[in-house]
Amino acid sequence: MEFKLVFLNRPHIFQEYYCALEKMAKFSVFIPGYNDQNRYDTVEFRHEEPTSTGFERLVRKSIHSWSKDFKKINGSRKIGCNYDTVNGNEALVCLVGQ
């Protein structure tokens, strides 16, 4: 499963997968809220699961937990995501920007 396919299947919300946001999301995986101080106007979505969950399930559970907030997003946006193991959990962070 690739981030781009998951999120671009929601064209009413996400018009573009943005690699610059993916790179920025890598920092937020390890430092929650890191992008609150960047030059972009972004919203951070974060979800963690035990490492035994597996990547595809992590993505599905993350999207499910964020779905209500995604519905509140007005207009088409860019998105970039990244994940890694943090403190024994798999953390997925997606940044949404204009």
PDB file of N, CA and C in Angstrom:
ATOM      1  N   MET A   1       0.856  -1.175   0.000  1.00  0.00           N
ATOM      2  CA  MET A   1       0.000   0.000   0.000  1.00  0.00           C
ATOM      3  C   MET A   1       0.898   1.234   0.000  1.00  0.00           C
ATOM      4  N   GLU A   2       0.583   2.154  -0.843  1.00  0.00           N
ATOM      5  CA  GLU A   2       1.379   3.365  -0.949  1.00  0.00           C
ATOM      6  C   GLU A   2       0.532   4.559  -0.521  1.00  0.00           C
ATOM      7  N   PHE A   3       1.130   5.489   0.222  1.00  0.00           N
ATOM      8  CA  PHE A   3       0.404   6.660   0.697  1.00  0.00           C
ATOM      9  C   PHE A   3      -0.318   7.376  -0.427  1.00  0.00           C
ATOM     10  N   LYS A   4       0.370   7.562  -1.545  1.00  0.00           N
ATOM     11  CA  LYS A   4      -0.207   8.325  -2.652  1.00  0.00           C
ATOM     12  C   LYS A   4      -1.528   7.726  -3.099  1.00  0.00           C
ATOM     13  N   LEU A   5      -1.581   6.422  -3.244  1.00  0.00           N
ATOM     14  CA  LEU A   5      -2.809   5.775  -3.714  1.00  0.00           C
ATOM     15  C   LEU A   5      -3.940   5.935  -2.718  1.00  0.00           C
ATOM     16  N   VAL A   6      -3.629   5.787  -1.445  1.00  0.00           N
ATOM     17  CA  VAL A   6      -4.656   5.888  -0.411  1.00  0.00           C
ATOM     18  C   VAL A   6      -5.290   7.268  -0.401  1.00  0.00           C
ATOM     19  N   PHE A   7      -4.465   8.301  -0.409  1.00  0.00           N
ATOM     20  CA  PHE A   7      -4.991   9.646  -0.241  1.00  0.00           C
ATOM     21  C   PHE A   7      -5.483  10.282  -1.530  1.00  0.00           C
ATOM     22  N   LEU A   8      -4.916   9.931  -2.651  1.00  0.00           N
ATOM     23  CA  LEU A   8      -5.393  10.517  -3.902  1.00  0.00           C
ATOM     24  C   LEU A   8      -6.704   9.891  -4.351  1.00  0.00           C
ATOM     25  N   ASN A   9      -7.124   8.814  -3.716  1.00  0.00           N
ATOM     26  CA  ASN A   9      -8.449   8.254  -3.974  1.00  0.00           C
ATOM     27  C   ASN A   9      -9.535   9.096  -3.318  1.00  0.00           C
ATOM     28  N   ARG A  10      -9.155  10.168  -2.666  1.00  0.00           N
ATOM     29  CA  ARG A  10     -10.091  11.107  -2.050  1.00  0.00           C
ATOM     30  C   ARG A  10      -9.918  12.476  -2.718  1.00  0.00           C
ATOM     31  N   PRO A  11     -10.207  12.583  -4.025  1.00  0.00           N
ATOM     32  CA  PRO A  11      -9.911  13.810  -4.768  1.00  0.00           C
ATOM     33  C   PRO A  11     -10.683  15.027  -4.276  1.00  0.00           C
ATOM     34  N   HIS A  12     -11.796  14.817  -3.590  1.00  0.00           N
ATOM     35  CA  HIS A  12     -12.555  15.956  -3.075  1.00  0.00           C
ATOM     36  C   HIS A  12     -11.826  16.626  -1.907  1.00  0.00           C
ATOM     37  N   ILE A  13     -10.853  15.925  -1.321  1.00  0.00           N
ATOM     38  CA  ILE A  13     -10.080  16.487  -0.218  1.00  0.00           C
ATOM     39  C   ILE A  13      -8.643  16.763  -0.644  1.00  0.00           C
ATOM     40  N   PHE A  14      -7.995  15.751  -1.214  1.00  0.00           N
ATOM     41  CA  PHE A  14      -6.571  15.855  -1.520  1.00  0.00           C
ATOM     42  C   PHE A  14      -6.341  15.877  -3.017  1.00  0.00           C
ATOM     43  N   GLN A  15      -5.796  16.976  -3.510  1.00  0.00           N
ATOM     44  CA  GLN A  15      -5.561  17.096  -4.942  1.00  0.00           C
ATOM     45  C   GLN A  15      -4.163  16.643  -5.321  1.00  0.00           C
ATOM     46  N   GLU A  16      -3.244  16.604  -4.340  1.00  0.00           N
ATOM     47  CA  GLU A  16      -1.860  16.312  -4.689  1.00  0.00           C
ATOM     48  C   GLU A  16      -1.131  15.697  -3.499  1.00  0.00           C
ATOM     49  N   TYR A  17      -0.336  14.656  -3.780  1.00  0.00           N
ATOM     50  CA  TYR A  17       0.589  14.136  -2.778  1.00  0.00           C
ATOM     51  C   TYR A  17       1.859  14.960  -2.925  1.00  0.00           C
ATOM     52  N   TYR A  18       2.290  15.588  -1.851  1.00  0.00           N
ATOM     53  CA  TYR A  18       3.363  16.575  -1.909  1.00  0.00           C
ATOM     54  C   TYR A  18       4.596  16.047  -1.179  1.00  0.00           C
ATOM     55  N   CYS A  19       5.643  15.764  -1.928  1.00  0.00           N
ATOM     56  CA  CYS A  19       6.857  15.153  -1.371  1.00  0.00           C
ATOM     57  C   CYS A  19       7.538  16.036  -0.323  1.00  0.00           C
ATOM     58  N   ALA A  20       7.440  17.353  -0.472  1.00  0.00           N
ATOM     59  CA  ALA A  20       8.045  18.241   0.527  1.00  0.00           C
ATOM     60  C   ALA A  20       7.376  18.049   1.888  1.00  0.00           C
ATOM     61  N   LEU A  21       6.059  17.834   1.886  1.00  0.00           N
ATOM     62  CA  LEU A  21       5.362  17.574   3.147  1.00  0.00           C
ATOM     63  C   LEU A  21       5.749  16.206   3.704  1.00  0.00           C
ATOM     64  N   GLU A  22       6.007  15.252   2.832  1.00  0.00           N
ATOM     65  CA  GLU A  22       6.461  13.930   3.281  1.00  0.00           C
ATOM     66  C   GLU A  22       7.784  14.054   4.041  1.00  0.00           C
ATOM     67  N   LYS A  23       8.693  14.844   3.507  1.00  0.00           N
ATOM     68  CA  LYS A  23       9.985  15.040   4.168  1.00  0.00           C
ATOM     69  C   LYS A  23       9.807  15.740   5.513  1.00  0.00           C
ATOM     70  N   MET A  24       8.932  16.734   5.554  1.00  0.00           N
ATOM     71  CA  MET A  24       8.672  17.438   6.805  1.00  0.00           C
ATOM     72  C   MET A  24       8.007  16.519   7.824  1.00  0.00           C
ATOM     73  N   ALA A  25       7.148  15.623   7.354  1.00  0.00           N
ATOM     74  CA  ALA A  25       6.459  14.693   8.252  1.00  0.00           C
ATOM     75  C   ALA A  25       7.441  13.763   8.948  1.00  0.00           C
ATOM     76  N   LYS A  26       8.569  13.482   8.307  1.00  0.00           N
ATOM     77  CA  LYS A  26       9.584  12.618   8.927  1.00  0.00           C
ATOM     78  C   LYS A  26      10.059  13.209  10.251  1.00  0.00           C
ATOM     79  N   PHE A  27      10.234  14.522  10.302  1.00  0.00           N
ATOM     80  CA  PHE A  27      10.635  15.162  11.553  1.00  0.00           C
ATOM     81  C   PHE A  27       9.538  15.038  12.603  1.00  0.00           C
ATOM     82  N   SER A  28       8.283  15.187  12.189  1.00  0.00           N
ATOM     83  CA  SER A  28       7.169  15.117  13.130  1.00  0.00           C
ATOM     84  C   SER A  28       6.964  13.718  13.693  1.00  0.00           C
ATOM     85  N   VAL A  29       7.424  12.702  12.972  1.00  0.00           N
ATOM     86  CA  VAL A  29       7.336  11.342  13.508  1.00  0.00           C
ATOM     87  C   VAL A  29       8.107  11.280  14.827  1.00  0.00           C
ATOM     88  N   PHE A  30       9.277  11.889  14.857  1.00  0.00           N
ATOM     89  CA  PHE A  30      10.135  11.831  16.038  1.00  0.00           C
ATOM     90  C   PHE A  30       9.924  12.994  17.000  1.00  0.00           C
ATOM     91  N   ILE A  31       9.450  14.125  16.487  1.00  0.00           N
ATOM     92  CA  ILE A  31       9.227  15.315  17.314  1.00  0.00           C
ATOM     93  C   ILE A  31       7.794  15.793  17.073  1.00  0.00           C
ATOM     94  N   PRO A  32       6.822  15.270  17.839  1.00  0.00           N
ATOM     95  CA  PRO A  32       5.426  15.680  17.621  1.00  0.00           C
ATOM     96  C   PRO A  32       5.278  17.198  17.660  1.00  0.00           C
ATOM     97  N   GLY A  33       4.530  17.721  16.705  1.00  0.00           N
ATOM     98  CA  GLY A  33       4.300  19.157  16.630  1.00  0.00           C
ATOM     99  C   GLY A  33       5.442  19.943  16.015  1.00  0.00           C
ATOM    100  N   TYR A  34       6.452  19.257  15.510  1.00  0.00           N
ATOM    101  CA  TYR A  34       7.620  19.925  14.924  1.00  0.00           C
ATOM    102  C   TYR A  34       7.213  20.956  13.875  1.00  0.00           C
ATOM    103  N   ASN A  35       6.244  20.631  13.059  1.00  0.00           N
ATOM    104  CA  ASN A  35       5.878  21.507  11.947  1.00  0.00           C
ATOM    105  C   ASN A  35       4.974  22.663  12.343  1.00  0.00           C
ATOM    106  N   ASP A  36       4.632  22.764  13.624  1.00  0.00           N
ATOM    107  CA  ASP A  36       3.873  23.932  14.075  1.00  0.00           C
ATOM    108  C   ASP A  36       4.685  25.211  13.901  1.00  0.00           C
ATOM    109  N   GLN A  37       6.010  25.061  13.819  1.00  0.00           N
ATOM    110  CA  GLN A  37       6.881  26.229  13.740  1.00  0.00           C
ATOM    111  C   GLN A  37       7.492  26.421  12.359  1.00  0.00           C
ATOM    112  N   ASN A  38       6.987  25.715  11.355  1.00  0.00           N
ATOM    113  CA  ASN A  38       7.580  25.848  10.020  1.00  0.00           C
ATOM    114  C   ASN A  38       6.922  26.966   9.224  1.00  0.00           C
ATOM    115  N   ARG A  39       7.404  27.172   8.037  1.00  0.00           N
ATOM    116  CA  ARG A  39       6.889  28.268   7.205  1.00  0.00           C
ATOM    117  C   ARG A  39       5.622  27.891   6.451  1.00  0.00           C
ATOM    118  N   TYR A  40       5.247  26.625   6.499  1.00  0.00           N
ATOM    119  CA  TYR A  40       4.028  26.181   5.823  1.00  0.00           C
ATOM    120  C   TYR A  40       2.849  26.213   6.778  1.00  0.00           C
ATOM    121  N   ASP A  41       1.689  26.417   6.229  1.00  0.00           N
ATOM    122  CA  ASP A  41       0.456  26.338   7.002  1.00  0.00           C
ATOM    123  C   ASP A  41      -0.017  24.890   6.907  1.00  0.00           C
ATOM    124  N   THR A  42       0.333  24.080   7.910  1.00  0.00           N
ATOM    125  CA  THR A  42       0.007  22.657   7.869  1.00  0.00           C
ATOM    126  C   THR A  42      -0.785  22.235   9.094  1.00  0.00           C
ATOM    127  N   VAL A  43      -1.503  21.146   8.940  1.00  0.00           N
ATOM    128  CA  VAL A  43      -2.187  20.489  10.046  1.00  0.00           C
ATOM    129  C   VAL A  43      -1.566  19.107  10.173  1.00  0.00           C
ATOM    130  N   GLU A  44      -1.207  18.729  11.400  1.00  0.00           N
ATOM    131  CA  GLU A  44      -0.556  17.441  11.636  1.00  0.00           C
ATOM    132  C   GLU A  44      -1.569  16.408  12.115  1.00  0.00           C
ATOM    133  N   PHE A  45      -1.565  15.258  11.457  1.00  0.00           N
ATOM    134  CA  PHE A  45      -2.355  14.103  11.875  1.00  0.00           C
ATOM    135  C   PHE A  45      -1.370  13.025  12.299  1.00  0.00           C
ATOM    136  N   ARG A  46      -1.556  12.472  13.498  1.00  0.00           N
ATOM    137  CA  ARG A  46      -0.625  11.477  14.042  1.00  0.00           C
ATOM    138  C   ARG A  46      -1.413  10.300  14.606  1.00  0.00           C
ATOM    139  N   HIS A  47      -0.890   9.100  14.348  1.00  0.00           N
ATOM    140  CA  HIS A  47      -1.499   7.891  14.909  1.00  0.00           C
ATOM    141  C   HIS A  47      -0.391   6.892  15.194  1.00  0.00           C
ATOM    142  N   GLU A  48      -0.491   6.220  16.348  1.00  0.00           N
ATOM    143  CA  GLU A  48       0.496   5.209  16.726  1.00  0.00           C
ATOM    144  C   GLU A  48      -0.192   3.902  17.064  1.00  0.00           C
ATOM    145  N   GLU A  49       0.484   2.819  16.727  1.00  0.00           N
ATOM    146  CA  GLU A  49       0.024   1.460  17.021  1.00  0.00           C
ATOM    147  C   GLU A  49       1.241   0.638  17.438  1.00  0.00           C
ATOM    148  N   PRO A  50       1.016  -0.478  18.153  1.00  0.00           N
ATOM    149  CA  PRO A  50       2.136  -1.375  18.466  1.00  0.00           C
ATOM    150  C   PRO A  50       2.818  -1.846  17.183  1.00  0.00           C
ATOM    151  N   THR A  51       4.118  -2.110  17.261  1.00  0.00           N
ATOM    152  CA  THR A  51       4.870  -2.501  16.066  1.00  0.00           C
ATOM    153  C   THR A  51       4.336  -3.769  15.428  1.00  0.00           C
ATOM    154  N   SER A  52       3.645  -4.601  16.171  1.00  0.00           N
ATOM    155  CA  SER A  52       3.114  -5.854  15.616  1.00  0.00           C
ATOM    156  C   SER A  52       1.897  -5.636  14.720  1.00  0.00           C
ATOM    157  N   THR A  53       1.396  -4.413  14.654  1.00  0.00           N
ATOM    158  CA  THR A  53       0.193  -4.111  13.873  1.00  0.00           C
ATOM    159  C   THR A  53       0.410  -4.325  12.384  1.00  0.00           C
ATOM    160  N   GLY A  54       1.553  -3.976  11.868  1.00  0.00           N
ATOM    161  CA  GLY A  54       1.826  -4.063  10.434  1.00  0.00           C
ATOM    162  C   GLY A  54       1.462  -2.760   9.742  1.00  0.00           C
ATOM    163  N   PHE A  55       2.170  -2.476   8.650  1.00  0.00           N
ATOM    164  CA  PHE A  55       2.029  -1.192   7.965  1.00  0.00           C
ATOM    165  C   PHE A  55       0.632  -0.958   7.403  1.00  0.00           C
ATOM    166  N   GLU A  56       0.082  -1.925   6.677  1.00  0.00           N
ATOM    167  CA  GLU A  56      -1.229  -1.710   6.055  1.00  0.00           C
ATOM    168  C   GLU A  56      -2.307  -1.460   7.096  1.00  0.00           C
ATOM    169  N   ARG A  57      -2.260  -2.198   8.181  1.00  0.00           N
ATOM    170  CA  ARG A  57      -3.263  -1.995   9.234  1.00  0.00           C
ATOM    171  C   ARG A  57      -3.051  -0.642   9.919  1.00  0.00           C
ATOM    172  N   LEU A  58      -1.793  -0.249  10.095  1.00  0.00           N
ATOM    173  CA  LEU A  58      -1.498   1.073  10.662  1.00  0.00           C
ATOM    174  C   LEU A  58      -2.129   2.166   9.811  1.00  0.00           C
ATOM    175  N   VAL A  59      -1.977   2.073   8.502  1.00  0.00           N
ATOM    176  CA  VAL A  59      -2.547   3.079   7.600  1.00  0.00           C
ATOM    177  C   VAL A  59      -4.071   3.069   7.689  1.00  0.00           C
ATOM    178  N   ARG A  60      -4.676   1.889   7.644  1.00  0.00           N
ATOM    179  CA  ARG A  60      -6.147   1.801   7.721  1.00  0.00           C
ATOM    180  C   ARG A  60      -6.676   2.376   9.031  1.00  0.00           C
ATOM    181  N   LYS A  61      -6.049   2.004  10.150  1.00  0.00           N
ATOM    182  CA  LYS A  61      -6.508   2.496  11.450  1.00  0.00           C
ATOM    183  C   LYS A  61      -6.295   4.005  11.578  1.00  0.00           C
ATOM    184  N   SER A  62      -5.201   4.494  11.008  1.00  0.00           N
ATOM    185  CA  SER A  62      -4.934   5.935  11.042  1.00  0.00           C
ATOM    186  C   SER A  62      -6.010   6.698  10.282  1.00  0.00           C
ATOM    187  N   ILE A  63      -6.283   6.257   9.070  1.00  0.00           N
ATOM    188  CA  ILE A  63      -7.293   6.928   8.249  1.00  0.00           C
ATOM    189  C   ILE A  63      -8.651   6.883   8.929  1.00  0.00           C
ATOM    190  N   HIS A  64      -8.976   5.745   9.524  1.00  0.00           N
ATOM    191  CA  HIS A  64     -10.255   5.630  10.234  1.00  0.00           C
ATOM    192  C   HIS A  64     -10.314   6.632  11.396  1.00  0.00           C
ATOM    193  N   SER A  65      -9.229   6.739  12.152  1.00  0.00           N
ATOM    194  CA  SER A  65      -9.243   7.647  13.303  1.00  0.00           C
ATOM    195  C   SER A  65      -9.266   9.117  12.884  1.00  0.00           C
ATOM    196  N   TRP A  66      -8.771   9.412  11.687  1.00  0.00           N
ATOM    197  CA  TRP A  66      -8.735  10.791  11.199  1.00  0.00           C
ATOM    198  C   TRP A  66      -9.933  11.153  10.328  1.00  0.00           C
ATOM    199  N   SER A  67     -10.765  10.197   9.977  1.00  0.00           N
ATOM    200  CA  SER A  67     -11.796  10.420   8.954  1.00  0.00           C
ATOM    201  C   SER A  67     -12.737  11.575   9.286  1.00  0.00           C
ATOM    202  N   LYS A  68     -13.136  11.723  10.543  1.00  0.00           N
ATOM    203  CA  LYS A  68     -14.029  12.835  10.900  1.00  0.00           C
ATOM    204  C   LYS A  68     -13.345  14.181  10.674  1.00  0.00           C
ATOM    205  N   ASP A  69     -12.066  14.245  11.013  1.00  0.00           N
ATOM    206  CA  ASP A  69     -11.324  15.496  10.812  1.00  0.00           C
ATOM    207  C   ASP A  69     -11.079  15.768   9.332  1.00  0.00           C
ATOM    208  N   PHE A  70     -10.830  14.712   8.550  1.00  0.00           N
ATOM    209  CA  PHE A  70     -10.652  14.885   7.105  1.00  0.00           C
ATOM    210  C   PHE A  70     -11.907  15.485   6.476  1.00  0.00           C
ATOM    211  N   LYS A  71     -13.076  15.077   6.958  1.00  0.00           N
ATOM    212  CA  LYS A  71     -14.334  15.579   6.395  1.00  0.00           C
ATOM    213  C   LYS A  71     -14.516  17.071   6.651  1.00  0.00           C
ATOM    214  N   LYS A  72     -13.846  17.598   7.661  1.00  0.00           N
ATOM    215  CA  LYS A  72     -13.957  19.017   7.998  1.00  0.00           C
ATOM    216  C   LYS A  72     -13.041  19.898   7.150  1.00  0.00           C
ATOM    217  N   ILE A  73     -12.138  19.277   6.397  1.00  0.00           N
ATOM    218  CA  ILE A  73     -11.195  20.040   5.578  1.00  0.00           C
ATOM    219  C   ILE A  73     -11.931  20.639   4.387  1.00  0.00           C
ATOM    220  N   ASN A  74     -11.820  21.945   4.234  1.00  0.00           N
ATOM    221  CA  ASN A  74     -12.477  22.640   3.127  1.00  0.00           C
ATOM    222  C   ASN A  74     -11.504  22.832   1.975  1.00  0.00           C
ATOM    223  N   GLY A  75     -11.972  22.574   0.771  1.00  0.00           N
ATOM    224  CA  GLY A  75     -11.146  22.779  -0.411  1.00  0.00           C
ATOM    225  C   GLY A  75     -10.117  21.686  -0.582  1.00  0.00           C
ATOM    226  N   SER A  76      -9.548  21.635  -1.744  1.00  0.00           N
ATOM    227  CA  SER A  76      -8.529  20.629  -2.034  1.00  0.00           C
ATOM    228  C   SER A  76      -7.218  21.007  -1.363  1.00  0.00           C
ATOM    229  N   ARG A  77      -6.541  20.017  -0.877  1.00  0.00           N
ATOM    230  CA  ARG A  77      -5.292  20.225  -0.151  1.00  0.00           C
ATOM    231  C   ARG A  77      -4.209  19.280  -0.639  1.00  0.00           C
ATOM    232  N   LYS A  78      -2.992  19.595  -0.228  1.00  0.00           N
ATOM    233  CA  LYS A  78      -1.845  18.720  -0.463  1.00  0.00           C
ATOM    234  C   LYS A  78      -1.627  17.902   0.805  1.00  0.00           C
ATOM    235  N   ILE A  79      -1.064  16.704   0.638  1.00  0.00           N
ATOM    236  CA  ILE A  79      -0.779  15.861   1.793  1.00  0.00           C
ATOM    237  C   ILE A  79       0.563  15.170   1.594  1.00  0.00           C
ATOM    238  N   GLY A  80       1.254  14.947   2.684  1.00  0.00           N
ATOM    239  CA  GLY A  80       2.498  14.184   2.690  1.00  0.00           C
ATOM    240  C   GLY A  80       2.592  13.423   3.995  1.00  0.00           C
ATOM    241  N   CYS A  81       3.036  12.176   3.939  1.00  0.00           N
ATOM    242  CA  CYS A  81       3.059  11.318   5.124  1.00  0.00           C
ATOM    243  C   CYS A  81       4.404  10.629   5.278  1.00  0.00           C
ATOM    244  N   ASN A  82       4.673  10.220   6.506  1.00  0.00           N
ATOM    245  CA  ASN A  82       5.866   9.446   6.787  1.00  0.00           C
ATOM    246  C   ASN A  82       5.621   8.638   8.051  1.00  0.00           C
ATOM    247  N   TYR A  83       6.401   7.581   8.226  1.00  0.00           N
ATOM    248  CA  TYR A  83       6.241   6.746   9.414  1.00  0.00           C
ATOM    249  C   TYR A  83       7.579   6.148   9.822  1.00  0.00           C
ATOM    250  N   ASP A  84       7.631   5.727  11.088  1.00  0.00           N
ATOM    251  CA  ASP A  84       8.816   5.047  11.606  1.00  0.00           C
ATOM    252  C   ASP A  84       8.456   4.486  12.980  1.00  0.00           C
ATOM    253  N   THR A  85       9.380   3.739  13.560  1.00  0.00           N
ATOM    254  CA  THR A  85       9.184   3.192  14.896  1.00  0.00           C
ATOM    255  C   THR A  85       9.682   4.207  15.921  1.00  0.00           C
ATOM    256  N   VAL A  86       8.815   4.521  16.888  1.00  0.00           N
ATOM    257  CA  VAL A  86       9.139   5.489  17.927  1.00  0.00           C
ATOM    258  C   VAL A  86       8.696   4.913  19.265  1.00  0.00           C
ATOM    259  N   ASN A  87       9.612   4.799  20.190  1.00  0.00           N
ATOM    260  CA  ASN A  87       9.300   4.292  21.535  1.00  0.00           C
ATOM    261  C   ASN A  87       8.528   2.977  21.503  1.00  0.00           C
ATOM    262  N   GLY A  88       8.899   2.083  20.616  1.00  0.00           N
ATOM    263  CA  GLY A  88       8.269   0.771  20.541  1.00  0.00           C
ATOM    264  C   GLY A  88       6.964   0.725  19.778  1.00  0.00           C
ATOM    265  N   ASN A  89       6.522   1.830  19.227  1.00  0.00           N
ATOM    266  CA  ASN A  89       5.292   1.885  18.428  1.00  0.00           C
ATOM    267  C   ASN A  89       5.608   2.321  17.002  1.00  0.00           C
ATOM    268  N   GLU A  90       4.737   1.925  16.083  1.00  0.00           N
ATOM    269  CA  GLU A  90       4.810   2.455  14.721  1.00  0.00           C
ATOM    270  C   GLU A  90       4.010   3.752  14.710  1.00  0.00           C
ATOM    271  N   ALA A  91       4.632   4.835  14.316  1.00  0.00           N
ATOM    272  CA  ALA A  91       3.969   6.139  14.267  1.00  0.00           C
ATOM    273  C   ALA A  91       3.820   6.566  12.814  1.00  0.00           C
ATOM    274  N   LEU A  92       2.614   6.972  12.457  1.00  0.00           N
ATOM    275  CA  LEU A  92       2.327   7.511  11.130  1.00  0.00           C
ATOM    276  C   LEU A  92       1.916   8.960  11.301  1.00  0.00           C
ATOM    277  N   VAL A  93       2.583   9.844  10.574  1.00  0.00           N
ATOM    278  CA  VAL A  93       2.263  11.268  10.607  1.00  0.00           C
ATOM    279  C   VAL A  93       1.966  11.726   9.192  1.00  0.00           C
ATOM    280  N   CYS A  94       0.850  12.418   9.031  1.00  0.00           N
ATOM    281  CA  CYS A  94       0.510  13.046   7.758  1.00  0.00           C
ATOM    282  C   CYS A  94       0.351  14.537   7.999  1.00  0.00           C
ATOM    283  N   LEU A  95       0.930  15.311   7.108  1.00  0.00           N
ATOM    284  CA  LEU A  95       0.777  16.760   7.145  1.00  0.00           C
ATOM    285  C   LEU A  95      -0.109  17.177   5.985  1.00  0.00           C
ATOM    286  N   VAL A  96      -1.083  18.001   6.281  1.00  0.00           N
ATOM    287  CA  VAL A  96      -1.998  18.512   5.268  1.00  0.00           C
ATOM    288  C   VAL A  96      -1.757  20.005   5.153  1.00  0.00           C
ATOM    289  N   GLY A  97      -1.528  20.460   3.926  1.00  0.00           N
ATOM    290  CA  GLY A  97      -1.289  21.876   3.683  1.00  0.00           C
ATOM    291  C   GLY A  97      -2.090  22.358   2.493  1.00  0.00           C
ATOM    292  N   GLN A  98      -2.097  23.665   2.296  1.00  0.00           N
ATOM    293  CA  GLN A  98      -2.843  24.239   1.177  1.00  0.00           C
ATOM    294  C   GLN A  98      -2.035  24.204  -0.084  1.00  0.00           C
TER     295      GLN A  98
END
